[in-house]
Amino acid sequence: MSNLQAEHQKLLVEAKEERDMILADARKIRDKMYEDAKAKSMKEANAIIEEAKKAIHYEKLKAVTDIKNEIANMSIEIAEKLLRQELSDKGKHEMLVTTWMKEFEMN
């Protein structure tokens, strides 16, 4: 009977040791899966952030270009209106052309 009890105790100890090893392996696998998932999500998040930064940069450049184009168009319209007003009077027109011709000859 004592041999049977000793054998039972021995099997119980071996079973507990095996259980502890299985649990330790499971924890290692769980921790590795967690770290892998965390690293993957950080990589994906960083990629999304970089894409957003690029999109913002290009949208900013587009907005600045649009504003510059609008300013240029407005400047041309203003210059056109001023020239039309200046050239509406024949005397001013002739004086302006003469002045421009003299400036052109100097350059």
PDB file of N, CA and C in Angstrom:
ATOM      1  N   MET A   1       0.822  -1.186   0.000  1.00  0.00           N
ATOM      2  CA  MET A   1       0.000   0.000   0.000  1.00  0.00           C
ATOM      3  C   MET A   1       0.868   1.253   0.000  1.00  0.00           C
ATOM      4  N   SER A   2       1.960   1.222   0.779  1.00  0.00           N
ATOM      5  CA  SER A   2       2.833   2.388   0.830  1.00  0.00           C
ATOM      6  C   SER A   2       3.521   2.600  -0.519  1.00  0.00           C
ATOM      7  N   ASN A   3       3.821   1.460  -1.200  1.00  0.00           N
ATOM      8  CA  ASN A   3       4.393   1.604  -2.542  1.00  0.00           C
ATOM      9  C   ASN A   3       3.395   2.264  -3.501  1.00  0.00           C
ATOM     10  N   LEU A   4       2.171   1.896  -3.357  1.00  0.00           N
ATOM     11  CA  LEU A   4       1.121   2.463  -4.204  1.00  0.00           C
ATOM     12  C   LEU A   4       0.948   3.944  -3.916  1.00  0.00           C
ATOM     13  N   GLN A   5       0.996   4.301  -2.645  1.00  0.00           N
ATOM     14  CA  GLN A   5       0.893   5.718  -2.271  1.00  0.00           C
ATOM     15  C   GLN A   5       2.100   6.489  -2.768  1.00  0.00           C
ATOM     16  N   ALA A   6       3.267   5.939  -2.654  1.00  0.00           N
ATOM     17  CA  ALA A   6       4.485   6.589  -3.117  1.00  0.00           C
ATOM     18  C   ALA A   6       4.421   6.778  -4.642  1.00  0.00           C
ATOM     19  N   GLU A   7       3.945   5.732  -5.322  1.00  0.00           N
ATOM     20  CA  GLU A   7       3.803   5.828  -6.789  1.00  0.00           C
ATOM     21  C   GLU A   7       2.777   6.895  -7.151  1.00  0.00           C
ATOM     22  N   HIS A   8       1.690   6.953  -6.414  1.00  0.00           N
ATOM     23  CA  HIS A   8       0.651   7.954  -6.629  1.00  0.00           C
ATOM     24  C   HIS A   8       1.213   9.357  -6.402  1.00  0.00           C
ATOM     25  N   GLN A   9       1.975   9.548  -5.330  1.00  0.00           N
ATOM     26  CA  GLN A   9       2.595  10.848  -5.032  1.00  0.00           C
ATOM     27  C   GLN A   9       3.571  11.234  -6.147  1.00  0.00           C
ATOM     28  N   LYS A  10       4.327  10.258  -6.597  1.00  0.00           N
ATOM     29  CA  LYS A  10       5.291  10.516  -7.653  1.00  0.00           C
ATOM     30  C   LYS A  10       4.579  10.958  -8.934  1.00  0.00           C
ATOM     31  N   LEU A  11       3.489  10.272  -9.297  1.00  0.00           N
ATOM     32  CA  LEU A  11       2.704  10.636 -10.479  1.00  0.00           C
ATOM     33  C   LEU A  11       2.074  12.014 -10.313  1.00  0.00           C
ATOM     34  N   LEU A  12       1.608  12.303  -9.120  1.00  0.00           N
ATOM     35  CA  LEU A  12       1.001  13.600  -8.827  1.00  0.00           C
ATOM     36  C   LEU A  12       2.033  14.715  -8.987  1.00  0.00           C
ATOM     37  N   VAL A  13       3.231  14.524  -8.476  1.00  0.00           N
ATOM     38  CA  VAL A  13       4.311  15.517  -8.599  1.00  0.00           C
ATOM     39  C   VAL A  13       4.678  15.698 -10.075  1.00  0.00           C
ATOM     40  N   GLU A  14       4.797  14.575 -10.796  1.00  0.00           N
ATOM     41  CA  GLU A  14       5.128  14.659 -12.223  1.00  0.00           C
ATOM     42  C   GLU A  14       4.030  15.392 -12.989  1.00  0.00           C
ATOM     43  N   ALA A  15       2.784  15.129 -12.663  1.00  0.00           N
ATOM     44  CA  ALA A  15       1.659  15.788 -13.331  1.00  0.00           C
ATOM     45  C   ALA A  15       1.674  17.290 -13.057  1.00  0.00           C
ATOM     46  N   LYS A  16       1.973  17.665 -11.794  1.00  0.00           N
ATOM     47  CA  LYS A  16       2.047  19.092 -11.442  1.00  0.00           C
ATOM     48  C   LYS A  16       3.204  19.766 -12.185  1.00  0.00           C
ATOM     49  N   GLU A  17       4.344  19.071 -12.265  1.00  0.00           N
ATOM     50  CA  GLU A  17       5.489  19.638 -12.984  1.00  0.00           C
ATOM     51  C   GLU A  17       5.159  19.818 -14.470  1.00  0.00           C
ATOM     52  N   GLU A  18       4.504  18.819 -15.040  1.00  0.00           N
ATOM     53  CA  GLU A  18       4.129  18.910 -16.449  1.00  0.00           C
ATOM     54  C   GLU A  18       3.107  20.028 -16.669  1.00  0.00           C
ATOM     55  N   ARG A  19       2.147  20.143 -15.757  1.00  0.00           N
ATOM     56  CA  ARG A  19       1.164  21.221 -15.830  1.00  0.00           C
ATOM     57  C   ARG A  19       1.848  22.577 -15.761  1.00  0.00           C
ATOM     58  N   ASP A  20       2.805  22.720 -14.834  1.00  0.00           N
ATOM     59  CA  ASP A  20       3.534  23.991 -14.695  1.00  0.00           C
ATOM     60  C   ASP A  20       4.319  24.317 -15.966  1.00  0.00           C
ATOM     61  N   MET A  21       4.920  23.291 -16.586  1.00  0.00           N
ATOM     62  CA  MET A  21       5.654  23.522 -17.829  1.00  0.00           C
ATOM     63  C   MET A  21       4.708  23.940 -18.958  1.00  0.00           C
ATOM     64  N   ILE A  22       3.561  23.289 -19.029  1.00  0.00           N
ATOM     65  CA  ILE A  22       2.577  23.626 -20.062  1.00  0.00           C
ATOM     66  C   ILE A  22       2.073  25.057 -19.856  1.00  0.00           C
ATOM     67  N   LEU A  23       1.787  25.414 -18.618  1.00  0.00           N
ATOM     68  CA  LEU A  23       1.321  26.777 -18.323  1.00  0.00           C
ATOM     69  C   LEU A  23       2.407  27.811 -18.627  1.00  0.00           C
ATOM     70  N   ALA A  24       3.654  27.486 -18.299  1.00  0.00           N
ATOM     71  CA  ALA A  24       4.755  28.407 -18.590  1.00  0.00           C
ATOM     72  C   ALA A  24       4.900  28.598 -20.102  1.00  0.00           C
ATOM     73  N   ASP A  25       4.818  27.501 -20.858  1.00  0.00           N
ATOM     74  CA  ASP A  25       4.880  27.603 -22.317  1.00  0.00           C
ATOM     75  C   ASP A  25       3.709  28.423 -22.864  1.00  0.00           C
ATOM     76  N   ALA A  26       2.536  28.199 -22.319  1.00  0.00           N
ATOM     77  CA  ALA A  26       1.352  28.944 -22.760  1.00  0.00           C
ATOM     78  C   ALA A  26       1.524  30.438 -22.478  1.00  0.00           C
ATOM     79  N   ARG A  27       2.097  30.777 -21.321  1.00  0.00           N
ATOM     80  CA  ARG A  27       2.342  32.186 -20.990  1.00  0.00           C
ATOM     81  C   ARG A  27       3.342  32.805 -21.967  1.00  0.00           C
ATOM     82  N   LYS A  28       4.391  32.051 -22.278  1.00  0.00           N
ATOM     83  CA  LYS A  28       5.391  32.550 -23.232  1.00  0.00           C
ATOM     84  C   LYS A  28       4.754  32.798 -24.600  1.00  0.00           C
ATOM     85  N   ILE A  29       3.936  31.848 -25.039  1.00  0.00           N
ATOM     86  CA  ILE A  29       3.256  31.996 -26.334  1.00  0.00           C
ATOM     87  C   ILE A  29       2.314  33.194 -26.293  1.00  0.00           C
ATOM     88  N   ARG A  30       1.561  33.331 -25.214  1.00  0.00           N
ATOM     89  CA  ARG A  30       0.640  34.457 -25.065  1.00  0.00           C
ATOM     90  C   ARG A  30       1.403  35.778 -25.097  1.00  0.00           C
ATOM     91  N   ASP A  31       2.502  35.848 -24.334  1.00  0.00           N
ATOM     92  CA  ASP A  31       3.294  37.080 -24.288  1.00  0.00           C
ATOM     93  C   ASP A  31       3.883  37.414 -25.661  1.00  0.00           C
ATOM     94  N   LYS A  32       4.359  36.404 -26.373  1.00  0.00           N
ATOM     95  CA  LYS A  32       4.920  36.635 -27.707  1.00  0.00           C
ATOM     96  C   LYS A  32       3.833  37.107 -28.664  1.00  0.00           C
ATOM     97  N   MET A  33       2.664  36.493 -28.614  1.00  0.00           N
ATOM     98  CA  MET A  33       1.552  36.912 -29.472  1.00  0.00           C
ATOM     99  C   MET A  33       1.155  38.357 -29.164  1.00  0.00           C
ATOM    100  N   TYR A  34       1.134  38.690 -27.878  1.00  0.00           N
ATOM    101  CA  TYR A  34       0.779  40.051 -27.467  1.00  0.00           C
ATOM    102  C   TYR A  34       1.811  41.053 -27.989  1.00  0.00           C
ATOM    103  N   GLU A  35       3.083  40.752 -27.821  1.00  0.00           N
ATOM    104  CA  GLU A  35       4.143  41.651 -28.283  1.00  0.00           C
ATOM    105  C   GLU A  35       4.132  41.780 -29.805  1.00  0.00           C
ATOM    106  N   ASP A  36       3.910  40.660 -30.499  1.00  0.00           N
ATOM    107  CA  ASP A  36       3.839  40.703 -31.963  1.00  0.00           C
ATOM    108  C   ASP A  36       2.664  41.566 -32.428  1.00  0.00           C
ATOM    109  N   ALA A  37       1.518  41.376 -31.798  1.00  0.00           N
ATOM    110  CA  ALA A  37       0.336  42.167 -32.165  1.00  0.00           C
ATOM    111  C   ALA A  37       0.558  43.644 -31.859  1.00  0.00           C
ATOM    112  N   LYS A  38       1.187  43.921 -30.728  1.00  0.00           N
ATOM    113  CA  LYS A  38       1.470  45.308 -30.343  1.00  0.00           C
ATOM    114  C   LYS A  38       2.424  45.956 -31.340  1.00  0.00           C
ATOM    115  N   ALA A  39       3.474  45.236 -31.720  1.00  0.00           N
ATOM    116  CA  ALA A  39       4.451  45.768 -32.684  1.00  0.00           C
ATOM    117  C   ALA A  39       3.797  46.004 -34.042  1.00  0.00           C
ATOM    118  N   LYS A  40       2.952  45.058 -34.456  1.00  0.00           N
ATOM    119  CA  LYS A  40       2.267  45.196 -35.743  1.00  0.00           C
ATOM    120  C   LYS A  40       1.324  46.387 -35.729  1.00  0.00           C
ATOM    121  N   SER A  41       0.581  46.550 -34.652  1.00  0.00           N
ATOM    122  CA  SER A  41      -0.360  47.673 -34.583  1.00  0.00           C
ATOM    123  C   SER A  41       0.376  49.006 -34.529  1.00  0.00           C
ATOM    124  N   MET A  42       1.518  49.055 -33.854  1.00  0.00           N
ATOM    125  CA  MET A  42       2.309  50.289 -33.809  1.00  0.00           C
ATOM    126  C   MET A  42       2.850  50.618 -35.203  1.00  0.00           C
ATOM    127  N   LYS A  43       3.302  49.599 -35.909  1.00  0.00           N
ATOM    128  CA  LYS A  43       3.821  49.804 -37.263  1.00  0.00           C
ATOM    129  C   LYS A  43       2.711  50.325 -38.178  1.00  0.00           C
ATOM    130  N   GLU A  44       1.537  49.723 -38.082  1.00  0.00           N
ATOM    131  CA  GLU A  44       0.403  50.165 -38.903  1.00  0.00           C
ATOM    132  C   GLU A  44      -0.021  51.581 -38.522  1.00  0.00           C
ATOM    133  N   ALA A  45      -0.046  51.880 -37.233  1.00  0.00           N
ATOM    134  CA  ALA A  45      -0.422  53.221 -36.782  1.00  0.00           C
ATOM    135  C   ALA A  45       0.570  54.257 -37.292  1.00  0.00           C
ATOM    136  N   ASN A  46       1.849  53.948 -37.219  1.00  0.00           N
ATOM    137  CA  ASN A  46       2.873  54.874 -37.719  1.00  0.00           C
ATOM    138  C   ASN A  46       2.735  55.084 -39.229  1.00  0.00           C
ATOM    139  N   ALA A  47       2.418  54.025 -39.954  1.00  0.00           N
ATOM    140  CA  ALA A  47       2.229  54.149 -41.402  1.00  0.00           C
ATOM    141  C   ALA A  47       1.033  55.049 -41.707  1.00  0.00           C
ATOM    142  N   ILE A  48      -0.044  54.891 -40.958  1.00  0.00           N
ATOM    143  CA  ILE A  48      -1.236  55.721 -41.150  1.00  0.00           C
ATOM    144  C   ILE A  48      -0.916  57.181 -40.838  1.00  0.00           C
ATOM    145  N   ILE A  49      -0.171  57.408 -39.775  1.00  0.00           N
ATOM    146  CA  ILE A  49       0.206  58.774 -39.396  1.00  0.00           C
ATOM    147  C   ILE A  49       1.072  59.404 -40.486  1.00  0.00           C
ATOM    148  N   GLU A  50       2.025  58.648 -41.019  1.00  0.00           N
ATOM    149  CA  GLU A  50       2.897  59.176 -42.077  1.00  0.00           C
ATOM    150  C   GLU A  50       2.088  59.513 -43.326  1.00  0.00           C
ATOM    151  N   GLU A  51       1.146  58.652 -43.683  1.00  0.00           N
ATOM    152  CA  GLU A  51       0.298  58.927 -44.844  1.00  0.00           C
ATOM    153  C   GLU A  51      -0.541  60.180 -44.615  1.00  0.00           C
ATOM    154  N   ALA A  52      -1.056  60.343 -43.400  1.00  0.00           N
ATOM    155  CA  ALA A  52      -1.846  61.537 -43.078  1.00  0.00           C
ATOM    156  C   ALA A  52      -0.980  62.788 -43.159  1.00  0.00           C
ATOM    157  N   LYS A  53       0.262  62.707 -42.664  1.00  0.00           N
ATOM    158  CA  LYS A  53       1.170  63.850 -42.743  1.00  0.00           C
ATOM    159  C   LYS A  53       1.441  64.232 -44.192  1.00  0.00           C
ATOM    160  N   LYS A  54       1.668  63.216 -45.040  1.00  0.00           N
ATOM    161  CA  LYS A  54       1.906  63.485 -46.460  1.00  0.00           C
ATOM    162  C   LYS A  54       0.681  64.133 -47.097  1.00  0.00           C
ATOM    163  N   ALA A  55      -0.490  63.604 -46.792  1.00  0.00           N
ATOM    164  CA  ALA A  55      -1.721  64.154 -47.366  1.00  0.00           C
ATOM    165  C   ALA A  55      -1.910  65.603 -46.927  1.00  0.00           C
ATOM    166  N   ILE A  56      -1.653  65.887 -45.663  1.00  0.00           N
ATOM    167  CA  ILE A  56      -1.778  67.258 -45.154  1.00  0.00           C
ATOM    168  C   ILE A  56      -0.781  68.165 -45.865  1.00  0.00           C
ATOM    169  N   HIS A  57       0.448  67.693 -46.034  1.00  0.00           N
ATOM    170  CA  HIS A  57       1.479  68.491 -46.711  1.00  0.00           C
ATOM    171  C   HIS A  57       1.047  68.832 -48.140  1.00  0.00           C
ATOM    172  N   TYR A  58       0.567  67.833 -48.885  1.00  0.00           N
ATOM    173  CA  TYR A  58       0.166  68.075 -50.265  1.00  0.00           C
ATOM    174  C   TYR A  58      -1.068  68.972 -50.350  1.00  0.00           C
ATOM    175  N   GLU A  59      -1.986  68.813 -49.418  1.00  0.00           N
ATOM    176  CA  GLU A  59      -3.160  69.691 -49.400  1.00  0.00           C
ATOM    177  C   GLU A  59      -2.754  71.131 -49.091  1.00  0.00           C
ATOM    178  N   LYS A  60      -1.784  71.285 -48.204  1.00  0.00           N
ATOM    179  CA  LYS A  60      -1.281  72.627 -47.875  1.00  0.00           C
ATOM    180  C   LYS A  60      -0.636  73.259 -49.107  1.00  0.00           C
ATOM    181  N   LEU A  61       0.211  72.485 -49.805  1.00  0.00           N
ATOM    182  CA  LEU A  61       0.842  72.987 -51.026  1.00  0.00           C
ATOM    183  C   LEU A  61      -0.207  73.368 -52.069  1.00  0.00           C
ATOM    184  N   LYS A  62      -1.231  72.549 -52.195  1.00  0.00           N
ATOM    185  CA  LYS A  62      -2.304  72.829 -53.155  1.00  0.00           C
ATOM    186  C   LYS A  62      -3.028  74.116 -52.774  1.00  0.00           C
ATOM    187  N   ALA A  63      -3.318  74.292 -51.493  1.00  0.00           N
ATOM    188  CA  ALA A  63      -4.011  75.502 -51.042  1.00  0.00           C
ATOM    189  C   ALA A  63      -3.163  76.741 -51.300  1.00  0.00           C
ATOM    190  N   VAL A  64      -1.872  76.669 -51.008  1.00  0.00           N
ATOM    191  CA  VAL A  64      -0.974  77.810 -51.238  1.00  0.00           C
ATOM    192  C   VAL A  64      -0.917  78.129 -52.732  1.00  0.00           C
ATOM    193  N   THR A  65      -0.816  77.096 -53.562  1.00  0.00           N
ATOM    194  CA  THR A  65      -0.784  77.302 -55.011  1.00  0.00           C
ATOM    195  C   THR A  65      -2.080  77.934 -55.498  1.00  0.00           C
ATOM    196  N   ASP A  66      -3.202  77.449 -54.994  1.00  0.00           N
ATOM    197  CA  ASP A  66      -4.500  78.022 -55.374  1.00  0.00           C
ATOM    198  C   ASP A  66      -4.585  79.493 -54.979  1.00  0.00           C
ATOM    199  N   ILE A  67      -4.103  79.819 -53.781  1.00  0.00           N
ATOM    200  CA  ILE A  67      -4.133  81.217 -53.326  1.00  0.00           C
ATOM    201  C   ILE A  67      -3.237  82.079 -54.213  1.00  0.00           C
ATOM    202  N   LYS A  68      -2.043  81.588 -54.528  1.00  0.00           N
ATOM    203  CA  LYS A  68      -1.133  82.343 -55.401  1.00  0.00           C
ATOM    204  C   LYS A  68      -1.759  82.563 -56.779  1.00  0.00           C
ATOM    205  N   ASN A  69      -2.394  81.541 -57.320  1.00  0.00           N
ATOM    206  CA  ASN A  69      -3.049  81.673 -58.616  1.00  0.00           C
ATOM    207  C   ASN A  69      -4.177  82.691 -58.558  1.00  0.00           C
ATOM    208  N   GLU A  70      -4.937  82.663 -57.491  1.00  0.00           N
ATOM    209  CA  GLU A  70      -6.043  83.612 -57.338  1.00  0.00           C
ATOM    210  C   GLU A  70      -5.509  85.042 -57.218  1.00  0.00           C
ATOM    211  N   ILE A  71      -4.432  85.214 -56.468  1.00  0.00           N
ATOM    212  CA  ILE A  71      -3.821  86.546 -56.336  1.00  0.00           C
ATOM    213  C   ILE A  71      -3.306  87.023 -57.700  1.00  0.00           C
ATOM    214  N   ALA A  72      -2.684  86.132 -58.439  1.00  0.00           N
ATOM    215  CA  ALA A  72      -2.182  86.496 -59.765  1.00  0.00           C
ATOM    216  C   ALA A  72      -3.326  86.909 -60.686  1.00  0.00           C
ATOM    217  N   ASN A  73      -4.408  86.159 -60.675  1.00  0.00           N
ATOM    218  CA  ASN A  73      -5.565  86.495 -61.508  1.00  0.00           C
ATOM    219  C   ASN A  73      -6.155  87.842 -61.108  1.00  0.00           C
ATOM    220  N   MET A  74      -6.260  88.079 -59.811  1.00  0.00           N
ATOM    221  CA  MET A  74      -6.797  89.356 -59.338  1.00  0.00           C
ATOM    222  C   MET A  74      -5.867  90.505 -59.735  1.00  0.00           C
ATOM    223  N   SER A  75      -4.573  90.286 -59.646  1.00  0.00           N
ATOM    224  CA  SER A  75      -3.609  91.319 -60.027  1.00  0.00           C
ATOM    225  C   SER A  75      -3.738  91.653 -61.506  1.00  0.00           C
ATOM    226  N   ILE A  76      -3.907  90.642 -62.326  1.00  0.00           N
ATOM    227  CA  ILE A  76      -4.075  90.868 -63.765  1.00  0.00           C
ATOM    228  C   ILE A  76      -5.358  91.644 -64.035  1.00  0.00           C
ATOM    229  N   GLU A  77      -6.435  91.266 -63.350  1.00  0.00           N
ATOM    230  CA  GLU A  77      -7.706  91.974 -63.536  1.00  0.00           C
ATOM    231  C   GLU A  77      -7.587  93.441 -63.111  1.00  0.00           C
ATOM    232  N   ILE A  78      -6.929  93.683 -61.997  1.00  0.00           N
ATOM    233  CA  ILE A  78      -6.739  95.064 -61.528  1.00  0.00           C
ATOM    234  C   ILE A  78      -5.890  95.851 -62.530  1.00  0.00           C
ATOM    235  N   ALA A  79      -4.800  95.233 -62.990  1.00  0.00           N
ATOM    236  CA  ALA A  79      -3.939  95.912 -63.962  1.00  0.00           C
ATOM    237  C   ALA A  79      -4.713  96.199 -65.245  1.00  0.00           C
ATOM    238  N   GLU A  80      -5.517  95.258 -65.668  1.00  0.00           N
ATOM    239  CA  GLU A  80      -6.319  95.450 -66.881  1.00  0.00           C
ATOM    240  C   GLU A  80      -7.292  96.613 -66.707  1.00  0.00           C
ATOM    241  N   LYS A  81      -7.958  96.673 -65.576  1.00  0.00           N
ATOM    242  CA  LYS A  81      -8.904  97.773 -65.327  1.00  0.00           C
ATOM    243  C   LYS A  81      -8.184  99.113 -65.272  1.00  0.00           C
ATOM    244  N   LEU A  82      -7.018  99.136 -64.615  1.00  0.00           N
ATOM    245  CA  LEU A  82      -6.262 100.384 -64.544  1.00  0.00           C
ATOM    246  C   LEU A  82      -5.802 100.828 -65.928  1.00  0.00           C
ATOM    247  N   LEU A  83      -5.318  99.884 -66.736  1.00  0.00           N
ATOM    248  CA  LEU A  83      -4.886 100.230 -68.091  1.00  0.00           C
ATOM    249  C   LEU A  83      -6.047 100.715 -68.940  1.00  0.00           C
ATOM    250  N   ARG A  84      -7.182 100.054 -68.818  1.00  0.00           N
ATOM    251  CA  ARG A  84      -8.355 100.505 -69.582  1.00  0.00           C
ATOM    252  C   ARG A  84      -8.722 101.936 -69.198  1.00  0.00           C
ATOM    253  N   GLN A  85      -8.662 102.214 -67.895  1.00  0.00           N
ATOM    254  CA  GLN A  85      -9.005 103.568 -67.433  1.00  0.00           C
ATOM    255  C   GLN A  85      -7.960 104.570 -67.934  1.00  0.00           C
ATOM    256  N   GLU A  86      -6.700 104.212 -67.823  1.00  0.00           N
ATOM    257  CA  GLU A  86      -5.634 105.112 -68.266  1.00  0.00           C
ATOM    258  C   GLU A  86      -5.683 105.317 -69.779  1.00  0.00           C
ATOM    259  N   LEU A  87      -6.005 104.285 -70.524  1.00  0.00           N
ATOM    260  CA  LEU A  87      -5.985 104.369 -71.982  1.00  0.00           C
ATOM    261  C   LEU A  87      -7.291 104.907 -72.563  1.00  0.00           C
ATOM    262  N   SER A  88      -8.276 105.153 -71.731  1.00  0.00           N
ATOM    263  CA  SER A  88      -9.548 105.677 -72.239  1.00  0.00           C
ATOM    264  C   SER A  88      -9.401 107.115 -72.729  1.00  0.00           C
ATOM    265  N   ASP A  89      -8.497 107.855 -72.134  1.00  0.00           N
ATOM    266  CA  ASP A  89      -8.218 109.223 -72.572  1.00  0.00           C
ATOM    267  C   ASP A  89      -7.080 109.174 -73.591  1.00  0.00           C
ATOM    268  N   LYS A  90      -7.346 109.696 -74.824  1.00  0.00           N
ATOM    269  CA  LYS A  90      -6.375 109.623 -75.913  1.00  0.00           C
ATOM    270  C   LYS A  90      -5.073 110.325 -75.542  1.00  0.00           C
ATOM    271  N   GLY A  91      -5.120 111.444 -74.845  1.00  0.00           N
ATOM    272  CA  GLY A  91      -3.917 112.172 -74.453  1.00  0.00           C
ATOM    273  C   GLY A  91      -3.073 111.368 -73.484  1.00  0.00           C
ATOM    274  N   LYS A  92      -3.724 110.775 -72.495  1.00  0.00           N
ATOM    275  CA  LYS A  92      -3.009 109.930 -71.533  1.00  0.00           C
ATOM    276  C   LYS A  92      -2.414 108.714 -72.239  1.00  0.00           C
ATOM    277  N   HIS A  93      -3.181 108.188 -73.185  1.00  0.00           N
ATOM    278  CA  HIS A  93      -2.752 107.019 -73.936  1.00  0.00           C
ATOM    279  C   HIS A  93      -1.456 107.312 -74.680  1.00  0.00           C
ATOM    280  N   GLU A  94      -1.421 108.414 -75.393  1.00  0.00           N
ATOM    281  CA  GLU A  94      -0.234 108.786 -76.161  1.00  0.00           C
ATOM    282  C   GLU A  94       0.950 109.053 -75.232  1.00  0.00           C
ATOM    283  N   MET A  95       0.708 109.722 -74.105  1.00  0.00           N
ATOM    284  CA  MET A  95       1.770 110.027 -73.151  1.00  0.00           C
ATOM    285  C   MET A  95       2.335 108.728 -72.550  1.00  0.00           C
ATOM    286  N   LEU A  96       1.450 107.802 -72.229  1.00  0.00           N
ATOM    287  CA  LEU A  96       1.863 106.537 -71.643  1.00  0.00           C
ATOM    288  C   LEU A  96       2.703 105.730 -72.636  1.00  0.00           C
ATOM    289  N   VAL A  97       2.271 105.677 -73.886  1.00  0.00           N
ATOM    290  CA  VAL A  97       3.008 104.941 -74.909  1.00  0.00           C
ATOM    291  C   VAL A  97       4.377 105.576 -75.117  1.00  0.00           C
ATOM    292  N   THR A  98       4.438 106.886 -75.157  1.00  0.00           N
ATOM    293  CA  THR A  98       5.709 107.584 -75.333  1.00  0.00           C
ATOM    294  C   THR A  98       6.649 107.285 -74.170  1.00  0.00           C
ATOM    295  N   THR A  99       6.140 107.334 -72.969  1.00  0.00           N
ATOM    296  CA  THR A  99       6.949 107.046 -71.782  1.00  0.00           C
ATOM    297  C   THR A  99       7.478 105.616 -71.821  1.00  0.00           C
ATOM    298  N   TRP A 100       6.610 104.671 -72.173  1.00  0.00           N
ATOM    299  CA  TRP A 100       7.030 103.278 -72.243  1.00  0.00           C
ATOM    300  C   TRP A 100       8.084 103.068 -73.317  1.00  0.00           C
ATOM    301  N   MET A 101       7.933 103.737 -74.412  1.00  0.00           N
ATOM    302  CA  MET A 101       8.903 103.605 -75.511  1.00  0.00           C
ATOM    303  C   MET A 101      10.269 104.121 -75.054  1.00  0.00           C
ATOM    304  N   LYS A 102      10.296 105.237 -74.351  1.00  0.00           N
ATOM    305  CA  LYS A 102      11.553 105.788 -73.860  1.00  0.00           C
ATOM    306  C   LYS A 102      12.202 104.829 -72.859  1.00  0.00           C
ATOM    307  N   GLU A 103      11.405 104.276 -71.970  1.00  0.00           N
ATOM    308  CA  GLU A 103      11.929 103.306 -70.991  1.00  0.00           C
ATOM    309  C   GLU A 103      12.442 102.056 -71.705  1.00  0.00           C
ATOM    310  N   PHE A 104      11.742 101.626 -72.724  1.00  0.00           N
ATOM    311  CA  PHE A 104      12.147 100.439 -73.470  1.00  0.00           C
ATOM    312  C   PHE A 104      13.463 100.676 -74.190  1.00  0.00           C
ATOM    313  N   GLU A 105      13.633 101.858 -74.769  1.00  0.00           N
ATOM    314  CA  GLU A 105      14.869 102.195 -75.476  1.00  0.00           C
ATOM    315  C   GLU A 105      16.047 102.256 -74.526  1.00  0.00           C
ATOM    316  N   MET A 106      15.813 102.675 -73.274  1.00  0.00           N
ATOM    317  CA  MET A 106      16.895 102.769 -72.297  1.00  0.00           C
ATOM    318  C   MET A 106      17.383 101.401 -71.876  1.00  0.00           C
ATOM    319  N   ASN A 107      16.505 100.461 -71.807  1.00  0.00           N
ATOM    320  CA  ASN A 107      16.864  99.121 -71.372  1.00  0.00           C
ATOM    321  C   ASN A 107      17.452  98.389 -72.533  1.00  0.00           C
TER     322      ASN A 107
END
